[in-house]
Amino acid sequence: MSVRGIRGAITVEANEEQQILDATGQLLKGIVEVNGIVPEDIACVFVTVTQDLDAAFPARAIRELAGWERVPLMGSVEMAVKGGLERCVRLMVLVNTDKAQSDIRHVYMGGAQVLRPDLLNNRDDFFAR
């Protein structure tokens, strides 16, 4: 069994608590669904937000999901890069799995699809909305 990283990102329309929490939950649920994982498989989750999102701690959305209470979470602010994507929540989910690296499905939603179009173009990703 290996530890694999699963990346995901989503944008929100505004710096509002409920939008941040809803988007984070939606992104995590997408990652879990397309990769067929359960909280018990998760080693930890790193959560970052761009500097323009300060209305909520996005990790709270994960902590409040049933079964995720014991999963280690770490939040941080994304590095500010001139011209970078704004209002973005990113997740790095470290999962214990027998899957090969090539079988891991990364999830980019909303405006965050521009971050890694190479991961979306080669498959029918119903989460690329």
N, C-alpha and C. Protein backbone atom coordinates (compact mmCIF):
# COMPACT_ATOMS: atom_id res chain seq x y z
N MET A 1 0.86 -1.19 0.00
CA MET A 1 0.00 0.00 0.00
C MET A 1 0.89 1.24 0.00
N SER A 2 0.48 2.23 -0.75
CA SER A 2 1.22 3.49 -0.86
C SER A 2 0.38 4.65 -0.36
N VAL A 3 1.05 5.75 -0.10
CA VAL A 3 0.36 7.00 0.18
C VAL A 3 0.38 7.80 -1.12
N ARG A 4 -0.78 8.18 -1.59
CA ARG A 4 -0.91 8.96 -2.82
C ARG A 4 -1.53 10.31 -2.51
N GLY A 5 -1.13 11.31 -3.25
CA GLY A 5 -1.71 12.64 -3.12
C GLY A 5 -2.79 12.86 -4.17
N ILE A 6 -3.91 13.37 -3.72
CA ILE A 6 -5.00 13.71 -4.64
C ILE A 6 -5.22 15.21 -4.54
N ARG A 7 -5.08 15.89 -5.68
CA ARG A 7 -5.23 17.33 -5.72
C ARG A 7 -6.63 17.70 -6.14
N GLY A 8 -7.05 18.85 -5.64
CA GLY A 8 -8.33 19.39 -6.06
C GLY A 8 -8.37 20.87 -5.79
N ALA A 9 -9.20 21.58 -6.55
CA ALA A 9 -9.36 23.02 -6.35
C ALA A 9 -10.73 23.43 -6.85
N ILE A 10 -11.23 24.50 -6.24
CA ILE A 10 -12.53 25.05 -6.60
C ILE A 10 -12.50 26.55 -6.31
N THR A 11 -13.24 27.30 -7.07
CA THR A 11 -13.34 28.74 -6.83
C THR A 11 -14.71 29.06 -6.24
N VAL A 12 -14.76 30.19 -5.56
CA VAL A 12 -16.02 30.72 -5.03
C VAL A 12 -16.26 32.09 -5.63
N GLU A 13 -17.51 32.48 -5.69
CA GLU A 13 -17.87 33.77 -6.27
C GLU A 13 -17.52 34.95 -5.37
N ALA A 14 -17.64 34.73 -4.04
CA ALA A 14 -17.42 35.84 -3.11
C ALA A 14 -16.79 35.33 -1.82
N ASN A 15 -16.14 36.21 -1.11
CA ASN A 15 -15.52 35.91 0.17
C ASN A 15 -16.60 35.89 1.25
N GLU A 16 -17.42 34.86 1.22
CA GLU A 16 -18.52 34.70 2.17
C GLU A 16 -18.41 33.32 2.83
N GLU A 17 -18.65 33.29 4.12
CA GLU A 17 -18.49 32.07 4.91
C GLU A 17 -19.18 30.87 4.28
N GLN A 18 -20.45 30.98 3.98
CA GLN A 18 -21.19 29.83 3.49
C GLN A 18 -20.70 29.37 2.12
N GLN A 19 -20.31 30.29 1.28
CA GLN A 19 -19.77 29.91 -0.04
C GLN A 19 -18.46 29.12 0.12
N ILE A 20 -17.61 29.56 1.01
CA ILE A 20 -16.34 28.87 1.25
C ILE A 20 -16.59 27.47 1.79
N LEU A 21 -17.47 27.36 2.77
CA LEU A 21 -17.76 26.06 3.38
C LEU A 21 -18.44 25.12 2.38
N ASP A 22 -19.41 25.63 1.64
CA ASP A 22 -20.11 24.80 0.66
C ASP A 22 -19.17 24.31 -0.43
N ALA A 23 -18.33 25.19 -0.93
CA ALA A 23 -17.39 24.83 -2.00
C ALA A 23 -16.40 23.78 -1.51
N THR A 24 -15.90 23.94 -0.30
CA THR A 24 -14.94 22.98 0.26
C THR A 24 -15.58 21.61 0.39
N GLY A 25 -16.79 21.57 0.91
CA GLY A 25 -17.50 20.30 1.03
C GLY A 25 -17.76 19.66 -0.32
N GLN A 26 -18.16 20.44 -1.29
CA GLN A 26 -18.42 19.94 -2.64
C GLN A 26 -17.15 19.36 -3.25
N LEU A 27 -16.04 20.05 -3.09
CA LEU A 27 -14.77 19.59 -3.64
C LEU A 27 -14.33 18.28 -2.99
N LEU A 28 -14.38 18.21 -1.68
CA LEU A 28 -13.97 16.98 -1.00
C LEU A 28 -14.87 15.81 -1.39
N LYS A 29 -16.16 16.04 -1.44
CA LYS A 29 -17.08 14.97 -1.84
C LYS A 29 -16.78 14.48 -3.26
N GLY A 30 -16.42 15.40 -4.15
CA GLY A 30 -16.04 15.01 -5.50
C GLY A 30 -14.80 14.15 -5.52
N ILE A 31 -13.79 14.55 -4.75
CA ILE A 31 -12.54 13.77 -4.68
C ILE A 31 -12.81 12.37 -4.15
N VAL A 32 -13.60 12.29 -3.09
CA VAL A 32 -13.93 11.01 -2.47
C VAL A 32 -14.70 10.13 -3.44
N GLU A 33 -15.68 10.69 -4.11
CA GLU A 33 -16.52 9.91 -5.01
C GLU A 33 -15.75 9.34 -6.19
N VAL A 34 -15.01 10.18 -6.90
CA VAL A 34 -14.33 9.70 -8.11
C VAL A 34 -13.16 8.77 -7.81
N ASN A 35 -12.64 8.84 -6.58
CA ASN A 35 -11.51 7.97 -6.21
C ASN A 35 -11.93 6.78 -5.35
N GLY A 36 -13.19 6.73 -4.96
CA GLY A 36 -13.69 5.60 -4.18
C GLY A 36 -12.98 5.42 -2.85
N ILE A 37 -12.82 6.52 -2.12
CA ILE A 37 -12.13 6.44 -0.83
C ILE A 37 -13.09 6.75 0.31
N VAL A 38 -12.69 6.36 1.50
CA VAL A 38 -13.46 6.61 2.72
C VAL A 38 -12.55 7.31 3.72
N PRO A 39 -13.10 8.01 4.70
CA PRO A 39 -12.26 8.73 5.66
C PRO A 39 -11.18 7.87 6.32
N GLU A 40 -11.46 6.62 6.55
CA GLU A 40 -10.48 5.73 7.19
C GLU A 40 -9.21 5.57 6.34
N ASP A 41 -9.33 5.78 5.03
CA ASP A 41 -8.18 5.67 4.11
C ASP A 41 -7.29 6.91 4.13
N ILE A 42 -7.79 8.01 4.67
CA ILE A 42 -7.12 9.30 4.57
C ILE A 42 -6.03 9.45 5.64
N ALA A 43 -4.81 9.75 5.20
CA ALA A 43 -3.73 10.04 6.14
C ALA A 43 -3.89 11.46 6.69
N CYS A 44 -4.18 12.43 5.80
CA CYS A 44 -4.41 13.81 6.21
C CYS A 44 -4.88 14.62 5.01
N VAL A 45 -5.36 15.82 5.29
CA VAL A 45 -5.80 16.73 4.24
C VAL A 45 -5.17 18.09 4.50
N PHE A 46 -4.50 18.62 3.49
CA PHE A 46 -3.99 19.99 3.53
C PHE A 46 -4.98 20.87 2.77
N VAL A 47 -5.35 21.97 3.38
CA VAL A 47 -6.30 22.90 2.79
C VAL A 47 -5.62 24.26 2.66
N THR A 48 -5.67 24.84 1.47
CA THR A 48 -5.16 26.20 1.32
C THR A 48 -6.24 27.07 0.68
N VAL A 49 -6.16 28.35 0.97
CA VAL A 49 -7.04 29.33 0.35
C VAL A 49 -6.18 30.48 -0.15
N THR A 50 -6.66 31.16 -1.17
CA THR A 50 -5.98 32.36 -1.61
C THR A 50 -6.19 33.45 -0.56
N GLN A 51 -5.32 34.44 -0.57
CA GLN A 51 -5.34 35.46 0.47
C GLN A 51 -6.61 36.28 0.50
N ASP A 52 -7.40 36.25 -0.56
CA ASP A 52 -8.64 37.02 -0.59
C ASP A 52 -9.82 36.29 0.06
N LEU A 53 -9.60 35.09 0.57
CA LEU A 53 -10.65 34.33 1.26
C LEU A 53 -10.32 34.25 2.75
N ASP A 54 -11.00 35.08 3.52
CA ASP A 54 -10.75 35.08 4.97
C ASP A 54 -12.04 35.09 5.79
N ALA A 55 -13.16 34.72 5.17
CA ALA A 55 -14.45 34.75 5.87
C ALA A 55 -14.73 33.46 6.64
N ALA A 56 -13.94 32.40 6.39
CA ALA A 56 -14.17 31.12 7.08
C ALA A 56 -12.93 30.25 6.98
N PHE A 57 -12.81 29.31 7.91
CA PHE A 57 -11.80 28.27 7.83
C PHE A 57 -12.41 27.13 7.01
N PRO A 58 -11.92 26.88 5.80
CA PRO A 58 -12.53 25.83 4.99
C PRO A 58 -12.43 24.44 5.62
N ALA A 59 -11.42 24.18 6.43
CA ALA A 59 -11.30 22.88 7.09
C ALA A 59 -12.51 22.58 7.97
N ARG A 60 -13.19 23.61 8.42
CA ARG A 60 -14.40 23.41 9.23
C ARG A 60 -15.44 22.60 8.46
N ALA A 61 -15.56 22.84 7.17
CA ALA A 61 -16.53 22.10 6.35
C ALA A 61 -16.20 20.61 6.35
N ILE A 62 -14.93 20.27 6.34
CA ILE A 62 -14.52 18.87 6.35
C ILE A 62 -14.75 18.26 7.73
N ARG A 63 -14.37 18.99 8.76
CA ARG A 63 -14.52 18.51 10.14
C ARG A 63 -15.97 18.20 10.47
N GLU A 64 -16.90 18.93 9.86
CA GLU A 64 -18.32 18.76 10.17
C GLU A 64 -18.98 17.62 9.39
N LEU A 65 -18.26 17.02 8.44
CA LEU A 65 -18.81 15.88 7.70
C LEU A 65 -18.78 14.63 8.58
N ALA A 66 -19.83 13.85 8.54
CA ALA A 66 -19.89 12.62 9.33
C ALA A 66 -18.75 11.69 8.94
N GLY A 67 -18.01 11.21 9.93
CA GLY A 67 -16.92 10.29 9.70
C GLY A 67 -15.56 10.94 9.50
N TRP A 68 -15.52 12.25 9.39
CA TRP A 68 -14.26 12.96 9.14
C TRP A 68 -13.68 13.61 10.39
N GLU A 69 -14.28 13.38 11.54
CA GLU A 69 -13.87 14.05 12.79
C GLU A 69 -12.43 13.73 13.18
N ARG A 70 -11.95 12.55 12.84
CA ARG A 70 -10.62 12.12 13.28
C ARG A 70 -9.54 12.28 12.20
N VAL A 71 -9.91 12.77 11.04
CA VAL A 71 -8.94 12.95 9.96
C VAL A 71 -8.12 14.21 10.25
N PRO A 72 -6.79 14.11 10.27
CA PRO A 72 -5.96 15.29 10.51
C PRO A 72 -6.10 16.30 9.36
N LEU A 73 -6.32 17.55 9.73
CA LEU A 73 -6.50 18.63 8.77
C LEU A 73 -5.50 19.75 9.06
N MET A 74 -5.01 20.39 8.02
CA MET A 74 -4.10 21.52 8.18
C MET A 74 -4.48 22.58 7.17
N GLY A 75 -4.69 23.79 7.65
CA GLY A 75 -5.04 24.90 6.78
C GLY A 75 -3.91 25.89 6.64
N SER A 76 -3.87 26.56 5.49
CA SER A 76 -2.83 27.53 5.22
C SER A 76 -3.31 28.50 4.15
N VAL A 77 -2.56 29.58 4.00
CA VAL A 77 -2.84 30.55 2.94
C VAL A 77 -1.93 30.22 1.76
N GLU A 78 -2.53 30.19 0.58
CA GLU A 78 -1.79 29.90 -0.65
C GLU A 78 -0.79 31.03 -0.92
N MET A 79 0.32 30.69 -1.49
CA MET A 79 1.32 31.67 -1.87
C MET A 79 0.72 32.67 -2.85
N ALA A 80 0.95 33.94 -2.61
CA ALA A 80 0.43 34.99 -3.50
C ALA A 80 1.36 35.16 -4.69
N VAL A 81 0.82 34.93 -5.88
CA VAL A 81 1.59 35.10 -7.10
C VAL A 81 0.84 36.09 -7.98
N LYS A 82 1.53 37.08 -8.46
CA LYS A 82 0.91 38.09 -9.31
C LYS A 82 0.23 37.41 -10.50
N GLY A 83 -1.05 37.73 -10.68
CA GLY A 83 -1.83 37.15 -11.77
C GLY A 83 -2.40 35.78 -11.47
N GLY A 84 -2.21 35.28 -10.24
CA GLY A 84 -2.71 33.96 -9.87
C GLY A 84 -4.23 33.94 -9.75
N LEU A 85 -4.79 32.75 -9.73
CA LEU A 85 -6.22 32.56 -9.61
C LEU A 85 -6.71 33.09 -8.27
N GLU A 86 -7.80 33.83 -8.30
CA GLU A 86 -8.36 34.42 -7.08
C GLU A 86 -9.50 33.57 -6.54
N ARG A 87 -9.82 33.79 -5.27
CA ARG A 87 -10.95 33.15 -4.57
C ARG A 87 -10.94 31.63 -4.79
N CYS A 88 -9.83 31.01 -4.47
CA CYS A 88 -9.65 29.59 -4.73
C CYS A 88 -9.35 28.81 -3.45
N VAL A 89 -10.03 27.69 -3.30
CA VAL A 89 -9.77 26.73 -2.22
C VAL A 89 -9.11 25.53 -2.87
N ARG A 90 -7.98 25.09 -2.29
CA ARG A 90 -7.26 23.92 -2.81
C ARG A 90 -7.17 22.86 -1.72
N LEU A 91 -7.24 21.61 -2.14
CA LEU A 91 -7.07 20.48 -1.22
C LEU A 91 -5.96 19.57 -1.73
N MET A 92 -5.19 19.05 -0.80
CA MET A 92 -4.25 17.97 -1.07
C MET A 92 -4.63 16.87 -0.08
N VAL A 93 -5.24 15.82 -0.60
CA VAL A 93 -5.70 14.71 0.22
C VAL A 93 -4.66 13.60 0.10
N LEU A 94 -4.06 13.22 1.21
CA LEU A 94 -3.10 12.12 1.22
C LEU A 94 -3.84 10.86 1.65
N VAL A 95 -3.84 9.88 0.76
CA VAL A 95 -4.66 8.68 0.97
C VAL A 95 -3.81 7.43 0.90
N ASN A 96 -4.10 6.48 1.79
CA ASN A 96 -3.48 5.16 1.76
C ASN A 96 -4.26 4.32 0.76
N THR A 97 -3.57 3.82 -0.26
CA THR A 97 -4.28 3.13 -1.33
C THR A 97 -3.37 2.15 -2.06
N ASP A 98 -4.00 1.20 -2.71
CA ASP A 98 -3.28 0.28 -3.59
C ASP A 98 -3.31 0.77 -5.03
N LYS A 99 -3.98 1.88 -5.29
CA LYS A 99 -4.08 2.40 -6.66
C LYS A 99 -2.72 2.91 -7.14
N ALA A 100 -2.51 2.75 -8.44
CA ALA A 100 -1.32 3.31 -9.07
C ALA A 100 -1.49 4.82 -9.20
N GLN A 101 -0.39 5.53 -9.29
CA GLN A 101 -0.44 6.98 -9.45
C GLN A 101 -1.32 7.38 -10.64
N SER A 102 -1.23 6.61 -11.71
CA SER A 102 -2.00 6.92 -12.92
C SER A 102 -3.50 6.69 -12.75
N ASP A 103 -3.91 5.99 -11.70
CA ASP A 103 -5.33 5.74 -11.44
C ASP A 103 -5.97 6.79 -10.54
N ILE A 104 -5.16 7.66 -9.98
CA ILE A 104 -5.68 8.73 -9.11
C ILE A 104 -6.37 9.77 -9.98
N ARG A 105 -7.54 10.21 -9.55
CA ARG A 105 -8.30 11.22 -10.30
C ARG A 105 -8.31 12.52 -9.49
N HIS A 106 -7.76 13.55 -10.06
CA HIS A 106 -7.73 14.86 -9.44
C HIS A 106 -8.98 15.61 -9.88
N VAL A 107 -9.46 16.52 -9.04
CA VAL A 107 -10.74 17.18 -9.28
C VAL A 107 -10.55 18.69 -9.27
N TYR A 108 -10.90 19.32 -10.37
CA TYR A 108 -10.84 20.78 -10.49
C TYR A 108 -12.21 21.26 -10.91
N MET A 109 -12.80 22.13 -10.11
CA MET A 109 -14.16 22.59 -10.34
C MET A 109 -14.21 24.09 -10.55
N GLY A 110 -15.24 24.52 -11.25
CA GLY A 110 -15.45 25.95 -11.47
C GLY A 110 -14.26 26.58 -12.17
N GLY A 111 -13.93 27.78 -11.74
CA GLY A 111 -12.82 28.52 -12.35
C GLY A 111 -11.46 27.87 -12.14
N ALA A 112 -11.38 26.91 -11.22
CA ALA A 112 -10.10 26.26 -10.93
C ALA A 112 -9.67 25.29 -12.01
N GLN A 113 -10.53 25.01 -12.97
CA GLN A 113 -10.16 24.12 -14.08
C GLN A 113 -8.95 24.64 -14.85
N VAL A 114 -8.74 25.95 -14.82
CA VAL A 114 -7.60 26.53 -15.55
C VAL A 114 -6.26 26.15 -14.93
N LEU A 115 -6.27 25.69 -13.68
CA LEU A 115 -5.02 25.36 -13.01
C LEU A 115 -4.34 24.14 -13.60
N ARG A 116 -5.09 23.12 -13.95
CA ARG A 116 -4.51 21.88 -14.48
C ARG A 116 -5.39 21.29 -15.58
N PRO A 117 -5.52 21.98 -16.70
CA PRO A 117 -6.35 21.44 -17.78
C PRO A 117 -5.82 20.11 -18.31
N ASP A 118 -4.53 19.86 -18.13
CA ASP A 118 -3.95 18.60 -18.58
C ASP A 118 -4.53 17.40 -17.84
N LEU A 119 -5.03 17.62 -16.64
CA LEU A 119 -5.63 16.53 -15.88
C LEU A 119 -7.10 16.33 -16.21
N LEU A 120 -7.69 17.26 -16.95
CA LEU A 120 -9.11 17.16 -17.29
C LEU A 120 -9.33 16.74 -18.73
N ASN A 121 -8.43 17.05 -19.62
CA ASN A 121 -8.64 16.85 -21.05
C ASN A 121 -8.67 15.39 -21.49
N ASN A 122 -8.03 14.51 -20.76
CA ASN A 122 -7.89 13.14 -21.21
C ASN A 122 -8.97 12.20 -20.65
N ARG A 123 -10.01 12.73 -20.06
CA ARG A 123 -11.06 11.88 -19.53
C ARG A 123 -12.35 12.66 -19.43
N ASP A 124 -13.43 11.94 -19.31
CA ASP A 124 -14.75 12.55 -19.16
C ASP A 124 -14.95 12.82 -17.67
N ASP A 125 -14.67 14.01 -17.24
CA ASP A 125 -14.74 14.35 -15.82
C ASP A 125 -16.01 15.12 -15.54
N PHE A 126 -16.99 14.46 -14.97
CA PHE A 126 -18.25 15.14 -14.72
C PHE A 126 -18.15 16.16 -13.60
N PHE A 127 -16.99 16.22 -12.92
CA PHE A 127 -16.81 17.24 -11.90
C PHE A 127 -16.22 18.52 -12.48
N ALA A 128 -15.83 18.50 -13.71
CA ALA A 128 -15.28 19.70 -14.36
C ALA A 128 -16.45 20.56 -14.81
N ARG A 129 -17.00 21.31 -13.87
CA ARG A 129 -18.16 22.16 -14.14
C ARG A 129 -17.82 23.62 -13.91
